[in-house]
Amino acid sequence: YCYLSGFNPRFERLSPGKIVLGYAIENAIRAG
């Protein structure tokens, strides 16, 4: 369950929100 997130707007061009969410999805896939 992905409840809340946040990222530093100064680094928005680096897609930090996408990375931290994708990391959770990647771990979910790994765990079945």
Full PDB file with SEQRES, HELIX, SHEET, SSBOND, CRYST1, ORIGX, SCALE, CONECT and MASTER records, all heavy atoms in Angstrom:
SEQRES   1 A   32  TYR CYS TYR LEU SER GLY PHE ASN PRO ARG PHE GLU ARG          
SEQRES   2 A   32  LEU SER PRO GLY LYS ILE VAL LEU GLY TYR ALA ILE GLU          
SEQRES   3 A   32  ASN ALA ILE ARG ALA GLY                                      
HELIX    1 AA1 PRO A    9  LEU A   14  5                                   6    
HELIX    2 AA2 PRO A   16  ALA A   31  1                                  16    
CRYST1    1.000    1.000    1.000  90.00  90.00  90.00 P 1           1          
ORIGX1      1.000000  0.000000  0.000000        0.00000                         
ORIGX2      0.000000  1.000000  0.000000        0.00000                         
ORIGX3      0.000000  0.000000  1.000000        0.00000                         
SCALE1      1.000000  0.000000  0.000000        0.00000                         
SCALE2      0.000000  1.000000  0.000000        0.00000                         
SCALE3      0.000000  0.000000  1.000000        0.00000                         
ATOM      1  N   TYR A   1       0.859  -1.186   0.000  1.00  0.00           N  
ATOM      2  CA  TYR A   1       0.000   0.000   0.000  1.00  0.00           C  
ATOM      3  C   TYR A   1       0.899   1.242   0.000  1.00  0.00           C  
ATOM      4  O   TYR A   1       1.651   1.465   0.946  1.00  0.00           O  
ATOM      5  CB  TYR A   1      -0.888   0.012   1.246  1.00  0.00           C  
ATOM      6  CG  TYR A   1      -1.767  -1.200   1.385  1.00  0.00           C  
ATOM      7  CD1 TYR A   1      -1.305  -2.342   2.041  1.00  0.00           C  
ATOM      8  CD2 TYR A   1      -3.056  -1.219   0.864  1.00  0.00           C  
ATOM      9  CE1 TYR A   1      -2.117  -3.472   2.175  1.00  0.00           C  
ATOM     10  CE2 TYR A   1      -3.876  -2.343   0.992  1.00  0.00           C  
ATOM     11  CZ  TYR A   1      -3.392  -3.458   1.641  1.00  0.00           C  
ATOM     12  OH  TYR A   1      -4.187  -4.581   1.780  1.00  0.00           O  
ATOM     13  N   CYS A   2       0.820   2.028  -1.051  1.00  0.00           N  
ATOM     14  CA  CYS A   2       1.636   3.240  -1.184  1.00  0.00           C  
ATOM     15  C   CYS A   2       0.837   4.430  -0.653  1.00  0.00           C  
ATOM     16  O   CYS A   2      -0.080   4.920  -1.316  1.00  0.00           O  
ATOM     17  CB  CYS A   2       2.031   3.461  -2.642  1.00  0.00           C  
ATOM     18  SG  CYS A   2       3.024   2.112  -3.320  1.00  0.00           S  
ATOM     19  N   TYR A   3       1.201   4.908   0.529  1.00  0.00           N  
ATOM     20  CA  TYR A   3       0.356   5.873   1.245  1.00  0.00           C  
ATOM     21  C   TYR A   3       0.681   7.327   0.906  1.00  0.00           C  
ATOM     22  O   TYR A   3      -0.184   8.094   0.501  1.00  0.00           O  
ATOM     23  CB  TYR A   3       0.493   5.638   2.753  1.00  0.00           C  
ATOM     24  CG  TYR A   3      -0.394   6.520   3.590  1.00  0.00           C  
ATOM     25  CD1 TYR A   3      -1.774   6.333   3.611  1.00  0.00           C  
ATOM     26  CD2 TYR A   3       0.143   7.549   4.354  1.00  0.00           C  
ATOM     27  CE1 TYR A   3      -2.592   7.149   4.381  1.00  0.00           C  
ATOM     28  CE2 TYR A   3      -0.666   8.363   5.121  1.00  0.00           C  
ATOM     29  CZ  TYR A   3      -2.034   8.162   5.134  1.00  0.00           C  
ATOM     30  OH  TYR A   3      -2.844   8.976   5.883  1.00  0.00           O  
ATOM     31  N   LEU A   4       1.927   7.736   1.092  1.00  0.00           N  
ATOM     32  CA  LEU A   4       2.326   9.132   0.832  1.00  0.00           C  
ATOM     33  C   LEU A   4       3.748   9.157   0.297  1.00  0.00           C  
ATOM     34  O   LEU A   4       4.565   8.281   0.608  1.00  0.00           O  
ATOM     35  CB  LEU A   4       2.272   9.967   2.120  1.00  0.00           C  
ATOM     36  CG  LEU A   4       0.948  10.595   2.540  1.00  0.00           C  
ATOM     37  CD1 LEU A   4       1.134  11.300   3.877  1.00  0.00           C  
ATOM     38  CD2 LEU A   4       0.421  11.558   1.502  1.00  0.00           C  
ATOM     39  N   SER A   5       4.044  10.186  -0.479  1.00  0.00           N  
ATOM     40  CA  SER A   5       5.408  10.350  -0.973  1.00  0.00           C  
ATOM     41  C   SER A   5       5.744  11.831  -1.047  1.00  0.00           C  
ATOM     42  O   SER A   5       4.876  12.695  -0.942  1.00  0.00           O  
ATOM     43  CB  SER A   5       5.566   9.697  -2.352  1.00  0.00           C  
ATOM     44  OG  SER A   5       4.739  10.354  -3.309  1.00  0.00           O  
ATOM     45  N   GLY A   6       6.995  12.088  -1.242  1.00  0.00           N  
ATOM     46  CA  GLY A   6       7.448  13.456  -1.421  1.00  0.00           C  
ATOM     47  C   GLY A   6       8.818  13.461  -2.066  1.00  0.00           C  
ATOM     48  O   GLY A   6       9.562  12.484  -1.962  1.00  0.00           O  
ATOM     49  N   PHE A   7       9.142  14.545  -2.760  1.00  0.00           N  
ATOM     50  CA  PHE A   7      10.469  14.660  -3.358  1.00  0.00           C  
ATOM     51  C   PHE A   7      10.883  16.130  -3.380  1.00  0.00           C  
ATOM     52  O   PHE A   7      10.047  17.040  -3.285  1.00  0.00           O  
ATOM     53  CB  PHE A   7      10.510  14.059  -4.766  1.00  0.00           C  
ATOM     54  CG  PHE A   7       9.630  14.755  -5.778  1.00  0.00           C  
ATOM     55  CD1 PHE A   7      10.086  15.871  -6.484  1.00  0.00           C  
ATOM     56  CD2 PHE A   7       8.343  14.309  -6.018  1.00  0.00           C  
ATOM     57  CE1 PHE A   7       9.279  16.516  -7.412  1.00  0.00           C  
ATOM     58  CE2 PHE A   7       7.525  14.942  -6.943  1.00  0.00           C  
ATOM     59  CZ  PHE A   7       7.996  16.057  -7.638  1.00  0.00           C  
ATOM     60  N   ASN A   8      12.180  16.333  -3.509  1.00  0.00           N  
ATOM     61  CA  ASN A   8      12.732  17.674  -3.559  1.00  0.00           C  
ATOM     62  C   ASN A   8      12.533  18.250  -4.960  1.00  0.00           C  
ATOM     63  O   ASN A   8      13.060  17.713  -5.934  1.00  0.00           O  
ATOM     64  CB  ASN A   8      14.224  17.627  -3.214  1.00  0.00           C  
ATOM     65  CG  ASN A   8      14.826  18.999  -3.027  1.00  0.00           C  
ATOM     66  OD1 ASN A   8      14.404  19.967  -3.655  1.00  0.00           O  
ATOM     67  ND2 ASN A   8      15.818  19.089  -2.160  1.00  0.00           N  
ATOM     68  N   PRO A   9      11.769  19.333  -5.083  1.00  0.00           N  
ATOM     69  CA  PRO A   9      11.502  19.894  -6.422  1.00  0.00           C  
ATOM     70  C   PRO A   9      12.765  20.288  -7.181  1.00  0.00           C  
ATOM     71  O   PRO A   9      12.751  20.350  -8.418  1.00  0.00           O  
ATOM     72  CB  PRO A   9      10.623  21.114  -6.121  1.00  0.00           C  
ATOM     73  CG  PRO A   9      10.032  20.847  -4.778  1.00  0.00           C  
ATOM     74  CD  PRO A   9      11.066  20.075  -4.027  1.00  0.00           C  
ATOM     75  N   ARG A  10      13.873  20.542  -6.473  1.00  0.00           N  
ATOM     76  CA  ARG A  10      15.119  20.924  -7.159  1.00  0.00           C  
ATOM     77  C   ARG A  10      15.652  19.809  -8.047  1.00  0.00           C  
ATOM     78  O   ARG A  10      16.399  20.060  -8.996  1.00  0.00           O  
ATOM     79  CB  ARG A  10      16.199  21.304  -6.129  1.00  0.00           C  
ATOM     80  CG  ARG A  10      15.943  22.596  -5.390  1.00  0.00           C  
ATOM     81  CD  ARG A  10      17.195  23.064  -4.656  1.00  0.00           C  
ATOM     82  NE  ARG A  10      17.649  22.111  -3.642  1.00  0.00           N  
ATOM     83  CZ  ARG A  10      18.786  21.423  -3.720  1.00  0.00           C  
ATOM     84  NH1 ARG A  10      19.574  21.550  -4.783  1.00  0.00           N  
ATOM     85  NH2 ARG A  10      19.132  20.609  -2.742  1.00  0.00           N  
ATOM     86  N   PHE A  11      15.261  18.575  -7.719  1.00  0.00           N  
ATOM     87  CA  PHE A  11      15.771  17.425  -8.479  1.00  0.00           C  
ATOM     88  C   PHE A  11      14.689  16.794  -9.354  1.00  0.00           C  
ATOM     89  O   PHE A  11      14.818  15.637  -9.749  1.00  0.00           O  
ATOM     90  CB  PHE A  11      16.329  16.382  -7.511  1.00  0.00           C  
ATOM     91  CG  PHE A  11      17.487  16.870  -6.694  1.00  0.00           C  
ATOM     92  CD1 PHE A  11      17.286  17.394  -5.418  1.00  0.00           C  
ATOM     93  CD2 PHE A  11      18.772  16.826  -7.193  1.00  0.00           C  
ATOM     94  CE1 PHE A  11      18.352  17.846  -4.653  1.00  0.00           C  
ATOM     95  CE2 PHE A  11      19.848  17.273  -6.442  1.00  0.00           C  
ATOM     96  CZ  PHE A  11      19.636  17.785  -5.162  1.00  0.00           C  
ATOM     97  N   GLU A  12      13.649  17.549  -9.656  1.00  0.00           N  
ATOM     98  CA  GLU A  12      12.535  16.985 -10.403  1.00  0.00           C  
ATOM     99  C   GLU A  12      12.973  16.418 -11.760  1.00  0.00           C  
ATOM    100  O   GLU A  12      12.433  15.399 -12.222  1.00  0.00           O  
ATOM    101  CB  GLU A  12      11.456  18.054 -10.603  1.00  0.00           C  
ATOM    102  CG  GLU A  12      10.177  17.515 -11.208  1.00  0.00           C  
ATOM    103  CD  GLU A  12       9.042  18.530 -11.160  1.00  0.00           C  
ATOM    104  OE1 GLU A  12       9.275  19.677 -10.687  1.00  0.00           O  
ATOM    105  OE2 GLU A  12       7.920  18.178 -11.579  1.00  0.00           O  
ATOM    106  N   ARG A  13      13.961  17.018 -12.383  1.00  0.00           N  
ATOM    107  CA  ARG A  13      14.420  16.546 -13.700  1.00  0.00           C  
ATOM    108  C   ARG A  13      15.010  15.132 -13.634  1.00  0.00           C  
ATOM    109  O   ARG A  13      15.120  14.438 -14.652  1.00  0.00           O  
ATOM    110  CB  ARG A  13      15.453  17.512 -14.263  1.00  0.00           C  
ATOM    111  CG  ARG A  13      16.732  17.581 -13.459  1.00  0.00           C  
ATOM    112  CD  ARG A  13      17.728  18.594 -14.002  1.00  0.00           C  
ATOM    113  NE  ARG A  13      18.934  18.651 -13.201  1.00  0.00           N  
ATOM    114  CZ  ARG A  13      19.970  17.819 -13.328  1.00  0.00           C  
ATOM    115  NH1 ARG A  13      19.929  16.865 -14.260  1.00  0.00           N  
ATOM    116  NH2 ARG A  13      21.031  17.918 -12.551  1.00  0.00           N  
ATOM    117  N   LEU A  14      15.377  14.683 -12.415  1.00  0.00           N  
ATOM    118  CA  LEU A  14      15.956  13.352 -12.234  1.00  0.00           C  
ATOM    119  C   LEU A  14      14.888  12.299 -11.903  1.00  0.00           C  
ATOM    120  O   LEU A  14      15.224  11.147 -11.642  1.00  0.00           O  
ATOM    121  CB  LEU A  14      17.021  13.375 -11.131  1.00  0.00           C  
ATOM    122  CG  LEU A  14      18.216  14.298 -11.363  1.00  0.00           C  
ATOM    123  CD1 LEU A  14      19.165  14.270 -10.179  1.00  0.00           C  
ATOM    124  CD2 LEU A  14      18.955  13.914 -12.648  1.00  0.00           C  
ATOM    125  N   SER A  15      13.625  12.700 -11.907  1.00  0.00           N  
ATOM    126  CA  SER A  15      12.489  11.787 -11.658  1.00  0.00           C  
ATOM    127  C   SER A  15      12.620  11.030 -10.337  1.00  0.00           C  
ATOM    128  O   SER A  15      12.451   9.805 -10.293  1.00  0.00           O  
ATOM    129  CB  SER A  15      12.342  10.800 -12.820  1.00  0.00           C  
ATOM    130  OG  SER A  15      12.203  11.449 -14.047  1.00  0.00           O  
ATOM    131  N   PRO A  16      12.880  11.707  -9.220  1.00  0.00           N  
ATOM    132  CA  PRO A  16      13.058  10.987  -7.948  1.00  0.00           C  
ATOM    133  C   PRO A  16      11.790  10.284  -7.472  1.00  0.00           C  
ATOM    134  O   PRO A  16      11.867   9.199  -6.878  1.00  0.00           O  
ATOM    135  CB  PRO A  16      13.486  12.091  -6.973  1.00  0.00           C  
ATOM    136  CG  PRO A  16      12.944  13.355  -7.574  1.00  0.00           C  
ATOM    137  CD  PRO A  16      13.032  13.172  -9.049  1.00  0.00           C  
ATOM    138  N   GLY A  17      10.616  10.897  -7.724  1.00  0.00           N  
ATOM    139  CA  GLY A  17       9.374  10.249  -7.327  1.00  0.00           C  
ATOM    140  C   GLY A  17       9.151   8.942  -8.062  1.00  0.00           C  
ATOM    141  O   GLY A  17       8.712   7.940  -7.468  1.00  0.00           O  
ATOM    142  N   LYS A  18       9.448   8.919  -9.344  1.00  0.00           N  
ATOM    143  CA  LYS A  18       9.296   7.699 -10.143  1.00  0.00           C  
ATOM    144  C   LYS A  18      10.262   6.621  -9.662  1.00  0.00           C  
ATOM    145  O   LYS A  18       9.904   5.439  -9.578  1.00  0.00           O  
ATOM    146  CB  LYS A  18       9.552   8.006 -11.607  1.00  0.00           C  
ATOM    147  CG  LYS A  18       9.460   6.782 -12.519  1.00  0.00           C  
ATOM    148  CD  LYS A  18       9.618   7.182 -13.975  1.00  0.00           C  
ATOM    149  CE  LYS A  18       8.441   8.005 -14.450  1.00  0.00           C  
ATOM    150  NZ  LYS A  18       8.521   8.341 -15.888  1.00  0.00           N  
ATOM    151  N   ILE A  19      11.464   7.017  -9.288  1.00  0.00           N  
ATOM    152  CA  ILE A  19      12.460   6.038  -8.856  1.00  0.00           C  
ATOM    153  C   ILE A  19      12.057   5.386  -7.541  1.00  0.00           C  
ATOM    154  O   ILE A  19      12.104   4.158  -7.401  1.00  0.00           O  
ATOM    155  CB  ILE A  19      13.845   6.706  -8.724  1.00  0.00           C  
ATOM    156  CG1 ILE A  19      14.381   7.074 -10.109  1.00  0.00           C  
ATOM    157  CG2 ILE A  19      14.823   5.800  -7.984  1.00  0.00           C  
ATOM    158  CD1 ILE A  19      15.668   7.871 -10.083  1.00  0.00           C  
ATOM    159  N   VAL A  20      11.639   6.188  -6.561  1.00  0.00           N  
ATOM    160  CA  VAL A  20      11.325   5.616  -5.254  1.00  0.00           C  
ATOM    161  C   VAL A  20      10.061   4.753  -5.320  1.00  0.00           C  
ATOM    162  O   VAL A  20       9.947   3.731  -4.627  1.00  0.00           O  
ATOM    163  CB  VAL A  20      11.230   6.736  -4.193  1.00  0.00           C  
ATOM    164  CG1 VAL A  20       9.917   7.500  -4.286  1.00  0.00           C  
ATOM    165  CG2 VAL A  20      11.442   6.188  -2.799  1.00  0.00           C  
ATOM    166  N   LEU A  21       9.107   5.114  -6.184  1.00  0.00           N  
ATOM    167  CA  LEU A  21       7.920   4.289  -6.357  1.00  0.00           C  
ATOM    168  C   LEU A  21       8.250   3.018  -7.142  1.00  0.00           C  
ATOM    169  O   LEU A  21       7.811   1.916  -6.794  1.00  0.00           O  
ATOM    170  CB  LEU A  21       6.827   5.089  -7.075  1.00  0.00           C  
ATOM    171  CG  LEU A  21       5.508   4.373  -7.348  1.00  0.00           C  
ATOM    172  CD1 LEU A  21       4.920   3.790  -6.071  1.00  0.00           C  
ATOM    173  CD2 LEU A  21       4.508   5.330  -7.994  1.00  0.00           C  
ATOM    174  N   GLY A  22       9.049   3.171  -8.199  1.00  0.00           N  
ATOM    175  CA  GLY A  22       9.453   2.004  -8.971  1.00  0.00           C  
ATOM    176  C   GLY A  22      10.251   1.008  -8.147  1.00  0.00           C  
ATOM    177  O   GLY A  22      10.147  -0.209  -8.338  1.00  0.00           O  
ATOM    178  N   TYR A  23      11.047   1.527  -7.214  1.00  0.00           N  
ATOM    179  CA  TYR A  23      11.809   0.655  -6.310  1.00  0.00           C  
ATOM    180  C   TYR A  23      10.866  -0.209  -5.482  1.00  0.00           C  
ATOM    181  O   TYR A  23      11.113  -1.417  -5.294  1.00  0.00           O  
ATOM    182  CB  TYR A  23      12.687   1.516  -5.406  1.00  0.00           C  
ATOM    183  CG  TYR A  23      13.510   0.736  -4.413  1.00  0.00           C  
ATOM    184  CD1 TYR A  23      14.751   0.210  -4.763  1.00  0.00           C  
ATOM    185  CD2 TYR A  23      13.052   0.549  -3.109  1.00  0.00           C  
ATOM    186  CE1 TYR A  23      15.509  -0.498  -3.844  1.00  0.00           C  
ATOM    187  CE2 TYR A  23      13.802  -0.157  -2.182  1.00  0.00           C  
ATOM    188  CZ  TYR A  23      15.033  -0.682  -2.552  1.00  0.00           C  
ATOM    189  OH  TYR A  23      15.795  -1.385  -1.634  1.00  0.00           O  
ATOM    190  N   ALA A  24       9.770   0.389  -4.979  1.00  0.00           N  
ATOM    191  CA  ALA A  24       8.791  -0.380  -4.206  1.00  0.00           C  
ATOM    192  C   ALA A  24       8.137  -1.452  -5.069  1.00  0.00           C  
ATOM    193  O   ALA A  24       7.911  -2.588  -4.621  1.00  0.00           O  
ATOM    194  CB  ALA A  24       7.740   0.558  -3.625  1.00  0.00           C  
ATOM    195  N   ILE A  25       7.816  -1.097  -6.320  1.00  0.00           N  
ATOM    196  CA  ILE A  25       7.196  -2.072  -7.226  1.00  0.00           C  
ATOM    197  C   ILE A  25       8.187  -3.185  -7.566  1.00  0.00           C  
ATOM    198  O   ILE A  25       7.824  -4.371  -7.594  1.00  0.00           O  
ATOM    199  CB  ILE A  25       6.707  -1.362  -8.504  1.00  0.00           C  
ATOM    200  CG1 ILE A  25       5.588  -0.362  -8.157  1.00  0.00           C  
ATOM    201  CG2 ILE A  25       6.204  -2.376  -9.528  1.00  0.00           C  
ATOM    202  CD1 ILE A  25       5.185   0.538  -9.316  1.00  0.00           C  
ATOM    203  N   GLU A  26       9.438  -2.821  -7.789  1.00  0.00           N  
ATOM    204  CA  GLU A  26      10.465  -3.822  -8.095  1.00  0.00           C  
ATOM    205  C   GLU A  26      10.619  -4.825  -6.949  1.00  0.00           C  
ATOM    206  O   GLU A  26      10.686  -6.045  -7.161  1.00  0.00           O  
ATOM    207  CB  GLU A  26      11.797  -3.127  -8.368  1.00  0.00           C  
ATOM    208  CG  GLU A  26      12.913  -4.082  -8.746  1.00  0.00           C  
ATOM    209  CD  GLU A  26      14.194  -3.356  -9.116  1.00  0.00           C  
ATOM    210  OE1 GLU A  26      14.291  -2.132  -8.859  1.00  0.00           O  
ATOM    211  OE2 GLU A  26      15.090  -4.018  -9.660  1.00  0.00           O  
ATOM    212  N   ASN A  27      10.649  -4.326  -5.721  1.00  0.00           N  
ATOM    213  CA  ASN A  27      10.747  -5.218  -4.568  1.00  0.00           C  
ATOM    214  C   ASN A  27       9.503  -6.086  -4.416  1.00  0.00           C  
ATOM    215  O   ASN A  27       9.584  -7.246  -3.997  1.00  0.00           O  
ATOM    216  CB  ASN A  27      10.970  -4.409  -3.293  1.00  0.00           C  
ATOM    217  CG  ASN A  27      12.421  -4.000  -3.116  1.00  0.00           C  
ATOM    218  OD1 ASN A  27      13.308  -4.533  -3.786  1.00  0.00           O  
ATOM    219  ND2 ASN A  27      12.661  -3.063  -2.239  1.00  0.00           N  
ATOM    220  N   ALA A  28       8.340  -5.515  -4.768  1.00  0.00           N  
ATOM    221  CA  ALA A  28       7.106  -6.290  -4.705  1.00  0.00           C  
ATOM    222  C   ALA A  28       7.148  -7.453  -5.702  1.00  0.00           C  
ATOM    223  O   ALA A  28       6.745  -8.580  -5.391  1.00  0.00           O  
ATOM    224  CB  ALA A  28       5.905  -5.389  -4.979  1.00  0.00           C  
ATOM    225  N   ILE A  29       7.623  -7.182  -6.903  1.00  0.00           N  
ATOM    226  CA  ILE A  29       7.750  -8.240  -7.913  1.00  0.00           C  
ATOM    227  C   ILE A  29       8.724  -9.310  -7.431  1.00  0.00           C  
ATOM    228  O   ILE A  29       8.462 -10.517  -7.535  1.00  0.00           O  
ATOM    229  CB  ILE A  29       8.217  -7.644  -9.255  1.00  0.00           C  
ATOM    230  CG1 ILE A  29       7.151  -6.699  -9.809  1.00  0.00           C  
ATOM    231  CG2 ILE A  29       8.523  -8.751 -10.264  1.00  0.00           C  
ATOM    232  CD1 ILE A  29       7.637  -5.855 -10.972  1.00  0.00           C  
ATOM    233  N   ARG A  30       9.837  -8.873  -6.870  1.00  0.00           N  
ATOM    234  CA  ARG A  30      10.853  -9.800  -6.387  1.00  0.00           C  
ATOM    235  C   ARG A  30      10.296 -10.714  -5.288  1.00  0.00           C  
ATOM    236  O   ARG A  30      10.670 -11.893  -5.194  1.00  0.00           O  
ATOM    237  CB  ARG A  30      12.051  -9.008  -5.855  1.00  0.00           C  
ATOM    238  CG  ARG A  30      13.321  -9.826  -5.661  1.00  0.00           C  
ATOM    239  CD  ARG A  30      14.393  -8.945  -5.013  1.00  0.00           C  
ATOM    240  NE  ARG A  30      14.638  -7.734  -5.782  1.00  0.00           N  
ATOM    241  CZ  ARG A  30      15.471  -7.667  -6.812  1.00  0.00           C  
ATOM    242  NH1 ARG A  30      16.114  -8.745  -7.227  1.00  0.00           N  
ATOM    243  NH2 ARG A  30      15.656  -6.523  -7.450  1.00  0.00           N  
ATOM    244  N   ALA A  31       9.405 -10.162  -4.450  1.00  0.00           N  
ATOM    245  CA  ALA A  31       8.843 -10.927  -3.333  1.00  0.00           C  
ATOM    246  C   ALA A  31       7.605 -11.735  -3.717  1.00  0.00           C  
ATOM    247  O   ALA A  31       7.034 -12.429  -2.879  1.00  0.00           O  
ATOM    248  CB  ALA A  31       8.507  -9.982  -2.181  1.00  0.00           C  
ATOM    249  N   GLY A  32       7.156 -11.626  -4.979  1.00  0.00           N  
ATOM    250  CA  GLY A  32       5.959 -12.344  -5.389  1.00  0.00           C  
ATOM    251  C   GLY A  32       4.673 -11.717  -4.891  1.00  0.00           C  
ATOM    252  O   GLY A  32       3.652 -12.394  -4.736  1.00  0.00           O  
TER     253      GLY A  32                                                      
MASTER        0    0    0    2    0    0    0    6  252    1    0    3          
END                                                                             
